[in-house]
Amino acid sequence: MTLVLSELSRFGIAMAADSAITFHEPLPTGESRLRVVLGAKKLQLIPKLNAGISVWGQGSIRIGDDVINIDTWIENIITEKEDDYDSLDSFANLLASEIRTFIQPIDVSHNPWGTVGFHLAGFVDYEGEPTQTFYHIHNGRSQALEMRGETVDDPSIVNANHDFPPNMARAFSGRLVWYRTRNGDLRIYNRLFGLLEQFLRRIERETHIVIPHSTSIADRAEWLKFQIKTMAELYEFSNLEARTIGGDIATLTIIADGTVDFRER
């Protein structure tokens, strides 16, 4: 499992990811147990596009007789397929097409929200201005599209869903945070940070103390990193056999002038 967070705000794009990969380790009994390995590069920069990509879900794929980690596979797509993409849209569709070769169609009725996915974010030219946009490439239904009254043609396979097109970014420009999404091990995260946000809003009303007090894209990235770090440390205190969130936490920020700040720990 994992925890990857992406956010588009008035400051720019902020992304964060832990470095844990969870897989089933076969046992001599024929059963299996969850094993967690740290050190995966689940958040990466796409230099040609000045964009960021992160991965959640399945930690490895089988190519012939070989099993390759998903982060290595992404890195190969970024570098070896560079001539096959020239935009965020073409990269999203290339990624979806390539991963379908290795990911079997899923039964949406039993697994409605997907088993593998990628966050892809960057700036595009929209009506003459650099504007944020976000793709979520994954199998399963798309909550973001369904909220707009759209559906995925075939949710059993991986699709390049344009969750937050640039026209929506323009419409949301008066807000602090325009769009956010999170994927991975959300069992506790959603409840904990949902309650924390309610508590912090109450504190702001009653005391005028603002948390988080964000004045830059770096602040937003640190807030995302704090959330992942909090979950990883809570899991260390738990009775979970496999602590599925952990390791170094990478952050990536992009602002409208094209400046990228990528920190791998």
C-alpha atoms as a PDB file:
ATOM      1  CA  MET A   1       0.000   0.000   0.000  1.00  0.00           C
ATOM      2  CA  THR A   2       1.012   3.601   0.162  1.00  0.00           C
ATOM      3  CA  LEU A   3      -0.197   7.115   0.729  1.00  0.00           C
ATOM      4  CA  VAL A   4       0.021   9.634  -2.111  1.00  0.00           C
ATOM      5  CA  LEU A   5      -1.458  13.127  -1.939  1.00  0.00           C
ATOM      6  CA  SER A   6      -1.846  15.737  -4.669  1.00  0.00           C
ATOM      7  CA  GLU A   7      -3.184  19.264  -4.398  1.00  0.00           C
ATOM      8  CA  LEU A   8      -3.813  22.172  -6.737  1.00  0.00           C
ATOM      9  CA  SER A   9      -4.102  25.556  -5.055  1.00  0.00           C
ATOM     10  CA  ARG A  10      -3.699  29.242  -5.785  1.00  0.00           C
ATOM     11  CA  PHE A  11       0.024  28.802  -5.060  1.00  0.00           C
ATOM     12  CA  GLY A  12       0.557  26.024  -7.599  1.00  0.00           C
ATOM     13  CA  ILE A  13       0.824  22.238  -7.582  1.00  0.00           C
ATOM     14  CA  ALA A  14       2.004  20.219  -4.566  1.00  0.00           C
ATOM     15  CA  MET A  15       2.449  16.455  -4.509  1.00  0.00           C
ATOM     16  CA  ALA A  16       3.744  14.087  -1.828  1.00  0.00           C
ATOM     17  CA  ALA A  17       4.267  10.338  -1.467  1.00  0.00           C
ATOM     18  CA  ASP A  18       5.786   7.865   0.958  1.00  0.00           C
ATOM     19  CA  SER A  19       8.198   5.173  -0.237  1.00  0.00           C
ATOM     20  CA  ALA A  20       6.606   1.940   1.018  1.00  0.00           C
ATOM     21  CA  ILE A  21       5.652  -0.896  -1.298  1.00  0.00           C
ATOM     22  CA  THR A  22       3.470  -3.711   0.040  1.00  0.00           C
ATOM     23  CA  PHE A  23       3.308  -7.137  -1.560  1.00  0.00           C
ATOM     24  CA  HIS A  24       2.208 -10.672  -0.733  1.00  0.00           C
ATOM     25  CA  GLU A  25       5.157 -12.878   0.206  1.00  0.00           C
ATOM     26  CA  PRO A  26       4.520 -16.620  -0.394  1.00  0.00           C
ATOM     27  CA  LEU A  27       4.974 -18.923   2.607  1.00  0.00           C
ATOM     28  CA  PRO A  28       5.979 -22.626   2.593  1.00  0.00           C
ATOM     29  CA  THR A  29       2.440 -23.453   3.745  1.00  0.00           C
ATOM     30  CA  GLY A  30       1.051 -22.149   0.465  1.00  0.00           C
ATOM     31  CA  GLU A  31      -0.387 -19.098   2.175  1.00  0.00           C
ATOM     32  CA  SER A  32       1.071 -15.610   1.999  1.00  0.00           C
ATOM     33  CA  ARG A  33       1.760 -12.673   4.255  1.00  0.00           C
ATOM     34  CA  LEU A  34       1.994  -8.958   3.647  1.00  0.00           C
ATOM     35  CA  ARG A  35       5.521  -7.631   3.440  1.00  0.00           C
ATOM     36  CA  VAL A  36       6.523  -3.971   3.235  1.00  0.00           C
ATOM     37  CA  VAL A  37       9.688  -2.782   1.492  1.00  0.00           C
ATOM     38  CA  LEU A  38      10.833   0.837   1.754  1.00  0.00           C
ATOM     39  CA  GLY A  39      12.730   2.932  -0.759  1.00  0.00           C
ATOM     40  CA  ALA A  40      10.421   3.063  -3.786  1.00  0.00           C
ATOM     41  CA  LYS A  41      10.403   6.264  -5.877  1.00  0.00           C
ATOM     42  CA  LYS A  42       6.646   6.633  -6.007  1.00  0.00           C
ATOM     43  CA  LEU A  43       6.806  10.336  -6.855  1.00  0.00           C
ATOM     44  CA  GLN A  44       8.824  11.361  -9.901  1.00  0.00           C
ATOM     45  CA  LEU A  45       9.471  14.372 -12.097  1.00  0.00           C
ATOM     46  CA  ILE A  46       8.759  14.273 -15.821  1.00  0.00           C
ATOM     47  CA  PRO A  47      11.459  16.726 -17.004  1.00  0.00           C
ATOM     48  CA  LYS A  48      10.177  17.074 -20.576  1.00  0.00           C
ATOM     49  CA  LEU A  49       6.783  18.283 -19.332  1.00  0.00           C
ATOM     50  CA  ASN A  50       7.759  19.976 -16.051  1.00  0.00           C
ATOM     51  CA  ALA A  51       5.153  17.711 -14.489  1.00  0.00           C
ATOM     52  CA  GLY A  52       4.881  15.316 -11.570  1.00  0.00           C
ATOM     53  CA  ILE A  53       3.650  11.750 -11.429  1.00  0.00           C
ATOM     54  CA  SER A  54       3.008   9.494  -8.434  1.00  0.00           C
ATOM     55  CA  VAL A  55       1.733   5.927  -8.172  1.00  0.00           C
ATOM     56  CA  TRP A  56      -0.518   4.063  -5.761  1.00  0.00           C
ATOM     57  CA  GLY A  57      -1.837   0.521  -5.589  1.00  0.00           C
ATOM     58  CA  GLN A  58      -0.004  -2.359  -7.187  1.00  0.00           C
ATOM     59  CA  GLY A  59       3.721  -2.229  -6.345  1.00  0.00           C
ATOM     60  CA  SER A  60       5.044  -4.359  -9.189  1.00  0.00           C
ATOM     61  CA  ILE A  61       4.090  -5.736 -12.589  1.00  0.00           C
ATOM     62  CA  ARG A  62       5.085  -8.894 -14.416  1.00  0.00           C
ATOM     63  CA  ILE A  63       6.721  -8.489 -17.827  1.00  0.00           C
ATOM     64  CA  GLY A  64       7.286 -11.931 -19.319  1.00  0.00           C
ATOM     65  CA  ASP A  65       9.198 -13.928 -16.730  1.00  0.00           C
ATOM     66  CA  ASP A  66      10.391 -10.814 -14.903  1.00  0.00           C
ATOM     67  CA  VAL A  67       8.763  -8.876 -12.080  1.00  0.00           C
ATOM     68  CA  ILE A  68       9.596  -5.170 -12.143  1.00  0.00           C
ATOM     69  CA  ASN A  69       8.807  -2.566  -9.516  1.00  0.00           C
ATOM     70  CA  ILE A  70       6.194  -0.097 -10.698  1.00  0.00           C
ATOM     71  CA  ASP A  71       8.398   2.934  -9.939  1.00  0.00           C
ATOM     72  CA  THR A  72      11.167   1.542 -12.162  1.00  0.00           C
ATOM     73  CA  TRP A  73       8.606   0.919 -14.894  1.00  0.00           C
ATOM     74  CA  ILE A  74       7.382   4.541 -14.685  1.00  0.00           C
ATOM     75  CA  GLU A  75      10.949   5.837 -14.869  1.00  0.00           C
ATOM     76  CA  ASN A  76      11.491   3.769 -18.015  1.00  0.00           C
ATOM     77  CA  ILE A  77       8.344   5.209 -19.599  1.00  0.00           C
ATOM     78  CA  ILE A  78       9.496   8.760 -18.816  1.00  0.00           C
ATOM     79  CA  THR A  79      12.948   8.279 -20.347  1.00  0.00           C
ATOM     80  CA  GLU A  80      12.635   5.567 -22.992  1.00  0.00           C
ATOM     81  CA  LYS A  81       9.292   6.739 -24.436  1.00  0.00           C
ATOM     82  CA  GLU A  82      10.209  10.436 -24.490  1.00  0.00           C
ATOM     83  CA  ASP A  83       9.638  10.687 -28.244  1.00  0.00           C
ATOM     84  CA  ASP A  84       6.115   9.299 -27.846  1.00  0.00           C
ATOM     85  CA  TYR A  85       4.691  12.157 -25.784  1.00  0.00           C
ATOM     86  CA  ASP A  86       4.784  15.943 -25.995  1.00  0.00           C
ATOM     87  CA  SER A  87       2.006  16.999 -23.620  1.00  0.00           C
ATOM     88  CA  LEU A  88       0.332  15.960 -20.382  1.00  0.00           C
ATOM     89  CA  ASP A  89      -2.589  14.587 -22.363  1.00  0.00           C
ATOM     90  CA  SER A  90      -0.436  12.432 -24.638  1.00  0.00           C
ATOM     91  CA  PHE A  91       1.609  11.203 -21.668  1.00  0.00           C
ATOM     92  CA  ALA A  92      -1.562  10.261 -19.745  1.00  0.00           C
ATOM     93  CA  ASN A  93      -2.912   8.285 -22.682  1.00  0.00           C
ATOM     94  CA  LEU A  94       0.470   6.667 -23.362  1.00  0.00           C
ATOM     95  CA  LEU A  95       0.705   5.567 -19.731  1.00  0.00           C
ATOM     96  CA  ALA A  96      -2.814   4.131 -19.751  1.00  0.00           C
ATOM     97  CA  SER A  97      -2.165   2.255 -22.992  1.00  0.00           C
ATOM     98  CA  GLU A  98       1.156   0.832 -21.790  1.00  0.00           C
ATOM     99  CA  ILE A  99      -0.050  -0.307 -18.350  1.00  0.00           C
ATOM    100  CA  ARG A 100      -3.098  -2.088 -19.788  1.00  0.00           C
ATOM    101  CA  THR A 101      -0.685  -4.642 -21.254  1.00  0.00           C
ATOM    102  CA  PHE A 102       0.296  -5.770 -17.757  1.00  0.00           C
ATOM    103  CA  ILE A 103      -2.825  -5.165 -15.643  1.00  0.00           C
ATOM    104  CA  GLN A 104      -5.714  -7.570 -16.090  1.00  0.00           C
ATOM    105  CA  PRO A 105      -9.257  -6.115 -16.202  1.00  0.00           C
ATOM    106  CA  ILE A 106     -10.844  -5.957 -12.763  1.00  0.00           C
ATOM    107  CA  ASP A 107     -14.322  -6.857 -11.564  1.00  0.00           C
ATOM    108  CA  VAL A 108     -15.708  -3.409 -10.765  1.00  0.00           C
ATOM    109  CA  SER A 109     -18.579  -4.844  -8.705  1.00  0.00           C
ATOM    110  CA  HIS A 110     -16.065  -6.292  -6.212  1.00  0.00           C
ATOM    111  CA  ASN A 111     -13.407  -3.603  -6.477  1.00  0.00           C
ATOM    112  CA  PRO A 112     -15.265  -0.440  -7.486  1.00  0.00           C
ATOM    113  CA  TRP A 113     -12.456   2.130  -7.140  1.00  0.00           C
ATOM    114  CA  GLY A 114      -9.483   0.435  -8.785  1.00  0.00           C
ATOM    115  CA  THR A 115      -6.274  -1.363  -7.922  1.00  0.00           C
ATOM    116  CA  VAL A 116      -3.556   0.720  -9.588  1.00  0.00           C
ATOM    117  CA  GLY A 117      -3.374   4.412 -10.295  1.00  0.00           C
ATOM    118  CA  PHE A 118      -1.199   7.389 -11.130  1.00  0.00           C
ATOM    119  CA  HIS A 119      -1.516  11.061 -10.220  1.00  0.00           C
ATOM    120  CA  LEU A 120      -0.298  13.297 -13.062  1.00  0.00           C
ATOM    121  CA  ALA A 121      -0.189  17.061 -12.615  1.00  0.00           C
ATOM    122  CA  GLY A 122       1.322  20.038 -14.382  1.00  0.00           C
ATOM    123  CA  PHE A 123       0.677  23.344 -16.113  1.00  0.00           C
ATOM    124  CA  VAL A 124      -0.730  23.749 -19.624  1.00  0.00           C
ATOM    125  CA  ASP A 125      -1.411  26.768 -21.792  1.00  0.00           C
ATOM    126  CA  TYR A 126      -5.085  27.663 -21.457  1.00  0.00           C
ATOM    127  CA  GLU A 127      -6.374  30.807 -23.185  1.00  0.00           C
ATOM    128  CA  GLY A 128      -2.845  32.169 -23.251  1.00  0.00           C
ATOM    129  CA  GLU A 129      -2.026  31.588 -19.577  1.00  0.00           C
ATOM    130  CA  PRO A 130      -0.234  28.762 -17.728  1.00  0.00           C
ATOM    131  CA  THR A 131      -2.991  26.870 -15.942  1.00  0.00           C
ATOM    132  CA  GLN A 132      -2.971  23.849 -13.661  1.00  0.00           C
ATOM    133  CA  THR A 133      -4.442  20.525 -14.664  1.00  0.00           C
ATOM    134  CA  PHE A 134      -4.638  17.036 -13.168  1.00  0.00           C
ATOM    135  CA  TYR A 135      -5.078  13.528 -14.576  1.00  0.00           C
ATOM    136  CA  HIS A 136      -5.838  10.386 -12.603  1.00  0.00           C
ATOM    137  CA  ILE A 137      -4.880   7.325 -14.634  1.00  0.00           C
ATOM    138  CA  HIS A 138      -6.414   4.241 -13.009  1.00  0.00           C
ATOM    139  CA  ASN A 139      -8.800   1.319 -13.338  1.00  0.00           C
ATOM    140  CA  GLY A 140     -12.175   1.333 -11.645  1.00  0.00           C
ATOM    141  CA  ARG A 141     -14.872   3.975 -11.558  1.00  0.00           C
ATOM    142  CA  SER A 142     -13.959   7.651 -11.504  1.00  0.00           C
ATOM    143  CA  GLN A 143     -15.510   9.605  -8.646  1.00  0.00           C
ATOM    144  CA  ALA A 144     -14.291  12.896 -10.109  1.00  0.00           C
ATOM    145  CA  LEU A 145     -15.937  12.279 -13.476  1.00  0.00           C
ATOM    146  CA  GLU A 146     -19.140  10.976 -11.890  1.00  0.00           C
ATOM    147  CA  MET A 147     -19.457  14.207  -9.905  1.00  0.00           C
ATOM    148  CA  ARG A 148     -19.523  16.021 -13.272  1.00  0.00           C
ATOM    149  CA  GLY A 149     -22.147  13.642 -14.647  1.00  0.00           C
ATOM    150  CA  GLU A 150     -19.628  11.695 -16.746  1.00  0.00           C
ATOM    151  CA  THR A 151     -18.677   8.023 -16.633  1.00  0.00           C
ATOM    152  CA  VAL A 152     -15.769   5.890 -17.795  1.00  0.00           C
ATOM    153  CA  ASP A 153     -16.587   3.787 -20.882  1.00  0.00           C
ATOM    154  CA  ASP A 154     -14.931   0.654 -19.482  1.00  0.00           C
ATOM    155  CA  PRO A 155     -13.994   0.938 -15.781  1.00  0.00           C
ATOM    156  CA  SER A 156     -12.531  -2.577 -15.717  1.00  0.00           C
ATOM    157  CA  ILE A 157      -9.386  -1.320 -17.494  1.00  0.00           C
ATOM    158  CA  VAL A 158      -6.975   1.536 -16.835  1.00  0.00           C
ATOM    159  CA  ASN A 159      -8.214   4.858 -18.229  1.00  0.00           C
ATOM    160  CA  ALA A 160      -6.644   8.309 -18.484  1.00  0.00           C
ATOM    161  CA  ASN A 161      -9.243  10.313 -16.560  1.00  0.00           C
ATOM    162  CA  HIS A 162      -8.922  14.086 -16.821  1.00  0.00           C
ATOM    163  CA  ASP A 163     -10.186  14.756 -13.304  1.00  0.00           C
ATOM    164  CA  PHE A 164      -9.392  18.465 -13.196  1.00  0.00           C
ATOM    165  CA  PRO A 165      -9.164  20.154 -16.635  1.00  0.00           C
ATOM    166  CA  PRO A 166      -7.791  23.707 -16.933  1.00  0.00           C
ATOM    167  CA  ASN A 167     -11.212  25.331 -17.354  1.00  0.00           C
ATOM    168  CA  MET A 168     -12.110  24.083 -13.860  1.00  0.00           C
ATOM    169  CA  ALA A 169      -8.897  25.539 -12.478  1.00  0.00           C
ATOM    170  CA  ARG A 170      -9.890  28.897 -13.897  1.00  0.00           C
ATOM    171  CA  ALA A 171     -13.357  28.622 -12.349  1.00  0.00           C
ATOM    172  CA  PHE A 172     -11.924  27.748  -8.919  1.00  0.00           C
ATOM    173  CA  SER A 173      -9.231  30.430  -8.890  1.00  0.00           C
ATOM    174  CA  GLY A 174     -10.866  32.387  -6.051  1.00  0.00           C
ATOM    175  CA  ARG A 175     -10.300  29.584  -3.542  1.00  0.00           C
ATOM    176  CA  LEU A 176      -7.185  28.679  -1.566  1.00  0.00           C
ATOM    177  CA  VAL A 177      -7.314  24.999  -2.512  1.00  0.00           C
ATOM    178  CA  TRP A 178      -8.818  24.205  -5.905  1.00  0.00           C
ATOM    179  CA  TYR A 179      -8.521  20.442  -5.978  1.00  0.00           C
ATOM    180  CA  ARG A 180      -7.052  17.655  -3.865  1.00  0.00           C
ATOM    181  CA  THR A 181      -6.996  13.903  -4.083  1.00  0.00           C
ATOM    182  CA  ARG A 182      -5.494  11.110  -2.058  1.00  0.00           C
ATOM    183  CA  ASN A 183      -4.995   7.404  -2.656  1.00  0.00           C
ATOM    184  CA  GLY A 184      -3.482   4.383  -0.974  1.00  0.00           C
ATOM    185  CA  ASP A 185      -4.130   3.153   2.548  1.00  0.00           C
ATOM    186  CA  LEU A 186      -6.976   5.468   3.540  1.00  0.00           C
ATOM    187  CA  ARG A 187      -8.526   3.358   6.301  1.00  0.00           C
ATOM    188  CA  ILE A 188      -7.524   5.745   9.087  1.00  0.00           C
ATOM    189  CA  TYR A 189      -6.274   8.718   7.096  1.00  0.00           C
ATOM    190  CA  ASN A 190      -9.659   9.881   5.794  1.00  0.00           C
ATOM    191  CA  ARG A 191     -11.282   9.747   9.233  1.00  0.00           C
ATOM    192  CA  LEU A 192      -8.372  11.279  11.112  1.00  0.00           C
ATOM    193  CA  PHE A 193      -7.728  14.225   8.824  1.00  0.00           C
ATOM    194  CA  GLY A 194     -11.422  14.773   8.212  1.00  0.00           C
ATOM    195  CA  LEU A 195     -11.878  15.250  11.971  1.00  0.00           C
ATOM    196  CA  LEU A 196      -8.671  17.280  12.234  1.00  0.00           C
ATOM    197  CA  GLU A 197      -9.830  19.718   9.552  1.00  0.00           C
ATOM    198  CA  GLN A 198     -13.128  20.211  11.390  1.00  0.00           C
ATOM    199  CA  PHE A 199     -11.231  20.826  14.631  1.00  0.00           C
ATOM    200  CA  LEU A 200      -8.827  23.315  13.038  1.00  0.00           C
ATOM    201  CA  ARG A 201     -11.706  25.267  11.471  1.00  0.00           C
ATOM    202  CA  ARG A 202     -13.323  25.475  14.913  1.00  0.00           C
ATOM    203  CA  ILE A 203     -10.047  26.666  16.454  1.00  0.00           C
ATOM    204  CA  GLU A 204      -9.766  29.344  13.779  1.00  0.00           C
ATOM    205  CA  ARG A 205     -13.287  30.597  14.497  1.00  0.00           C
ATOM    206  CA  GLU A 206     -12.772  30.628  18.267  1.00  0.00           C
ATOM    207  CA  THR A 207      -9.156  31.785  18.575  1.00  0.00           C
ATOM    208  CA  HIS A 208      -8.263  33.192  15.119  1.00  0.00           C
ATOM    209  CA  ILE A 209      -5.271  30.828  15.017  1.00  0.00           C
ATOM    210  CA  VAL A 210      -4.921  29.538  11.456  1.00  0.00           C
ATOM    211  CA  ILE A 211      -3.463  26.051  10.945  1.00  0.00           C
ATOM    212  CA  PRO A 212      -2.068  25.485   8.411  1.00  0.00           C
ATOM    213  CA  HIS A 213      -1.096  29.091   7.725  1.00  0.00           C
ATOM    214  CA  SER A 214       0.040  28.820   4.110  1.00  0.00           C
ATOM    215  CA  THR A 215       1.791  31.644   2.290  1.00  0.00           C
ATOM    216  CA  SER A 216       3.587  29.670  -0.434  1.00  0.00           C
ATOM    217  CA  ILE A 217       3.553  26.436  -2.393  1.00  0.00           C
ATOM    218  CA  ALA A 218       6.357  25.190  -0.131  1.00  0.00           C
ATOM    219  CA  ASP A 219       3.992  25.524   2.832  1.00  0.00           C
ATOM    220  CA  ARG A 220       1.379  23.402   1.061  1.00  0.00           C
ATOM    221  CA  ALA A 221       3.956  20.698   0.278  1.00  0.00           C
ATOM    222  CA  GLU A 222       5.067  20.618   3.910  1.00  0.00           C
ATOM    223  CA  TRP A 223       1.439  20.247   5.002  1.00  0.00           C
ATOM    224  CA  LEU A 224       1.039  17.220   2.731  1.00  0.00           C
ATOM    225  CA  LYS A 225       4.311  15.789   4.026  1.00  0.00           C
ATOM    226  CA  PHE A 226       3.118  16.293   7.612  1.00  0.00           C
ATOM    227  CA  GLN A 227      -0.013  14.269   6.876  1.00  0.00           C
ATOM    228  CA  ILE A 228       1.931  11.319   5.475  1.00  0.00           C
ATOM    229  CA  LYS A 229       4.525  11.486   8.263  1.00  0.00           C
ATOM    230  CA  THR A 230       1.767  11.529  10.879  1.00  0.00           C
ATOM    231  CA  MET A 231       0.157   8.419   9.409  1.00  0.00           C
ATOM    232  CA  ALA A 232       3.494   6.592   9.179  1.00  0.00           C
ATOM    233  CA  GLU A 233       4.318   7.361  12.804  1.00  0.00           C
ATOM    234  CA  LEU A 234       0.844   6.357  14.010  1.00  0.00           C
ATOM    235  CA  TYR A 235       1.236   3.031  12.234  1.00  0.00           C
ATOM    236  CA  GLU A 236       4.514   2.496  14.087  1.00  0.00           C
ATOM    237  CA  PHE A 237       2.494   2.556  17.331  1.00  0.00           C
ATOM    238  CA  SER A 238      -0.167   0.205  15.990  1.00  0.00           C
ATOM    239  CA  ASN A 239      -0.608  -3.544  16.158  1.00  0.00           C
ATOM    240  CA  LEU A 240      -0.486  -3.810  12.361  1.00  0.00           C
ATOM    241  CA  GLU A 241       1.775  -6.611  11.177  1.00  0.00           C
ATOM    242  CA  ALA A 242       2.472  -4.730   7.924  1.00  0.00           C
ATOM    243  CA  ARG A 243       2.925  -0.984   8.348  1.00  0.00           C
ATOM    244  CA  THR A 244       1.877   0.004   4.875  1.00  0.00           C
ATOM    245  CA  ILE A 245       2.783   3.710   5.058  1.00  0.00           C
ATOM    246  CA  GLY A 246       6.387   4.673   5.738  1.00  0.00           C
ATOM    247  CA  GLY A 247       9.914   5.386   4.584  1.00  0.00           C
ATOM    248  CA  ASP A 248      11.225   8.611   3.111  1.00  0.00           C
ATOM    249  CA  ILE A 249       8.585  11.121   2.022  1.00  0.00           C
ATOM    250  CA  ALA A 250       9.105  12.846  -1.316  1.00  0.00           C
ATOM    251  CA  THR A 251       7.531  16.184  -2.262  1.00  0.00           C
ATOM    252  CA  LEU A 252       7.269  17.985  -5.565  1.00  0.00           C
ATOM    253  CA  THR A 253       6.009  21.505  -6.252  1.00  0.00           C
ATOM    254  CA  ILE A 254       5.404  23.342  -9.517  1.00  0.00           C
ATOM    255  CA  ILE A 255       4.463  26.995  -9.957  1.00  0.00           C
ATOM    256  CA  ALA A 256       3.146  28.916 -12.935  1.00  0.00           C
ATOM    257  CA  ASP A 257       6.523  30.199 -14.140  1.00  0.00           C
ATOM    258  CA  GLY A 258       7.718  26.609 -14.536  1.00  0.00           C
ATOM    259  CA  THR A 259       9.862  26.428 -11.385  1.00  0.00           C
ATOM    260  CA  VAL A 260       9.985  22.888  -9.999  1.00  0.00           C
ATOM    261  CA  ASP A 261      11.179  21.875  -6.536  1.00  0.00           C
ATOM    262  CA  PHE A 262      11.585  18.114  -6.135  1.00  0.00           C
ATOM    263  CA  ARG A 263      12.699  16.729  -2.782  1.00  0.00           C
ATOM    264  CA  GLU A 264      13.093  12.994  -2.366  1.00  0.00           C
ATOM    265  CA  ARG A 265      13.184  13.003   1.462  1.00  0.00           C
END
